[in-house]
Amino acid sequence: MPVDKMSMHRKGYEFAQLLFGLGRLGRLAPGARVLSVGAGHEAPLYWLANRVGLVVATDMYEPSWRDAWAGEGDERVLARPSDYAPFPYPRTRWFS
């Protein structure tokens, strides 16, 4: 496998497809609700909170697993999700 393909991370592609697809399907609406399973503290969740009525995020937020999952399921996001937000979002639309 070429080195450039090995260094690619799938998440950028997955996020782009997710957000593009939701837009094409007309699902980005104030009354929409999003459930994200295995959410970690990914940036698209905060982006979605600006475009839908509610985002519910869940993951296996176990402190002892933090190293195994490269910090993607950091349990501190439960108490302070805004610490992980890459941009402002309406906090009344977020629940984890």
Protein backbone atom coordinates (compact mmCIF):
# COMPACT_ATOMS: atom_id res chain seq x y z
CA MET A 1 0.00 0.00 0.00
CA PRO A 2 1.42 3.44 -0.89
CA VAL A 3 2.54 5.53 2.06
CA ASP A 4 0.12 8.38 1.26
CA LYS A 5 -2.88 6.05 1.57
CA MET A 6 -1.63 4.66 4.87
CA SER A 7 -1.49 8.17 6.33
CA MET A 8 -5.04 9.06 5.31
CA HIS A 9 -7.54 9.18 8.13
CA ARG A 10 -11.04 8.03 7.33
CA LYS A 11 -12.81 10.50 9.61
CA GLY A 12 -12.53 13.54 7.37
CA TYR A 13 -14.16 11.61 4.55
CA GLU A 14 -16.82 10.13 6.81
CA PHE A 15 -17.69 13.52 8.31
CA ALA A 16 -17.96 15.15 4.89
CA GLN A 17 -20.24 12.38 3.64
CA LEU A 18 -22.38 12.53 6.77
CA LEU A 19 -22.96 16.27 6.64
CA PHE A 20 -23.38 16.40 2.87
CA GLY A 21 -25.84 13.51 2.97
CA LEU A 22 -27.92 15.00 5.78
CA GLY A 23 -28.14 18.23 3.82
CA ARG A 24 -29.15 16.47 0.60
CA LEU A 25 -31.82 14.51 2.47
CA GLY A 26 -33.21 17.69 4.03
CA ARG A 27 -32.48 16.48 7.55
CA LEU A 28 -30.67 19.61 8.76
CA ALA A 29 -33.71 21.35 10.23
CA PRO A 30 -34.53 23.05 13.53
CA GLY A 31 -36.92 20.23 14.47
CA ALA A 32 -34.47 17.41 13.73
CA ARG A 33 -32.90 15.34 16.49
CA VAL A 34 -29.53 13.61 16.20
CA LEU A 35 -28.39 10.56 18.13
CA SER A 36 -24.68 9.85 17.88
CA VAL A 37 -23.51 6.48 19.22
CA GLY A 38 -19.76 6.19 19.67
CA ALA A 39 -19.64 9.98 19.58
CA GLY A 40 -16.42 10.76 21.39
CA HIS A 41 -16.20 14.54 21.17
CA GLU A 42 -16.14 14.93 17.41
CA ALA A 43 -16.45 18.35 15.76
CA PRO A 44 -19.47 17.44 13.57
CA LEU A 45 -21.58 17.11 16.72
CA TYR A 46 -21.04 20.79 17.51
CA TRP A 47 -21.64 21.73 13.88
CA LEU A 48 -24.91 19.80 13.94
CA ALA A 49 -25.97 21.49 17.19
CA ASN A 50 -26.03 24.74 15.21
CA ARG A 51 -28.38 23.26 12.61
CA VAL A 52 -30.76 20.84 14.33
CA GLY A 53 -33.02 20.93 17.36
CA LEU A 54 -31.14 18.50 19.61
CA VAL A 55 -27.93 16.45 19.60
CA VAL A 56 -27.66 13.47 21.95
CA ALA A 57 -24.16 12.00 22.10
CA THR A 58 -23.13 8.78 23.79
CA ASP A 59 -19.97 6.73 23.96
CA MET A 60 -18.14 4.36 26.25
CA TYR A 61 -16.72 7.15 28.40
CA GLU A 62 -14.63 4.94 30.63
CA PRO A 63 -11.53 6.64 32.12
CA SER A 64 -9.44 3.46 31.97
CA TRP A 65 -10.06 3.17 28.20
CA ARG A 66 -8.88 6.69 27.34
CA ASP A 67 -5.44 5.57 26.16
CA ALA A 68 -6.80 2.64 24.16
CA TRP A 69 -9.07 4.93 22.14
CA ALA A 70 -6.60 7.81 21.73
CA GLY A 71 -8.71 10.10 23.89
CA GLU A 72 -11.69 9.94 21.54
CA GLY A 73 -14.04 8.84 24.33
CA ASP A 74 -12.82 11.24 27.02
CA GLU A 75 -15.37 11.16 29.84
CA ARG A 76 -14.67 14.81 30.69
CA VAL A 77 -16.85 15.75 27.71
CA LEU A 78 -19.87 14.72 29.79
CA ALA A 79 -19.34 17.50 32.32
CA ARG A 80 -17.90 20.17 30.02
CA PRO A 81 -18.70 19.56 26.34
CA SER A 82 -17.91 23.20 25.54
CA ASP A 83 -14.23 22.53 26.37
CA TYR A 84 -14.12 20.35 23.25
CA ALA A 85 -16.14 22.60 20.96
CA PRO A 86 -14.17 23.85 17.94
CA PHE A 87 -16.65 26.74 17.58
CA PRO A 88 -19.66 28.21 19.44
CA TYR A 89 -22.86 26.20 19.59
CA PRO A 90 -26.20 26.58 21.40
CA ARG A 91 -25.71 24.62 24.63
CA THR A 92 -29.45 24.07 25.00
CA ARG A 93 -29.28 21.76 21.97
CA TRP A 94 -26.64 19.41 23.38
CA PHE A 95 -27.09 16.47 25.69
CA SER A 96 -24.52 13.81 26.48
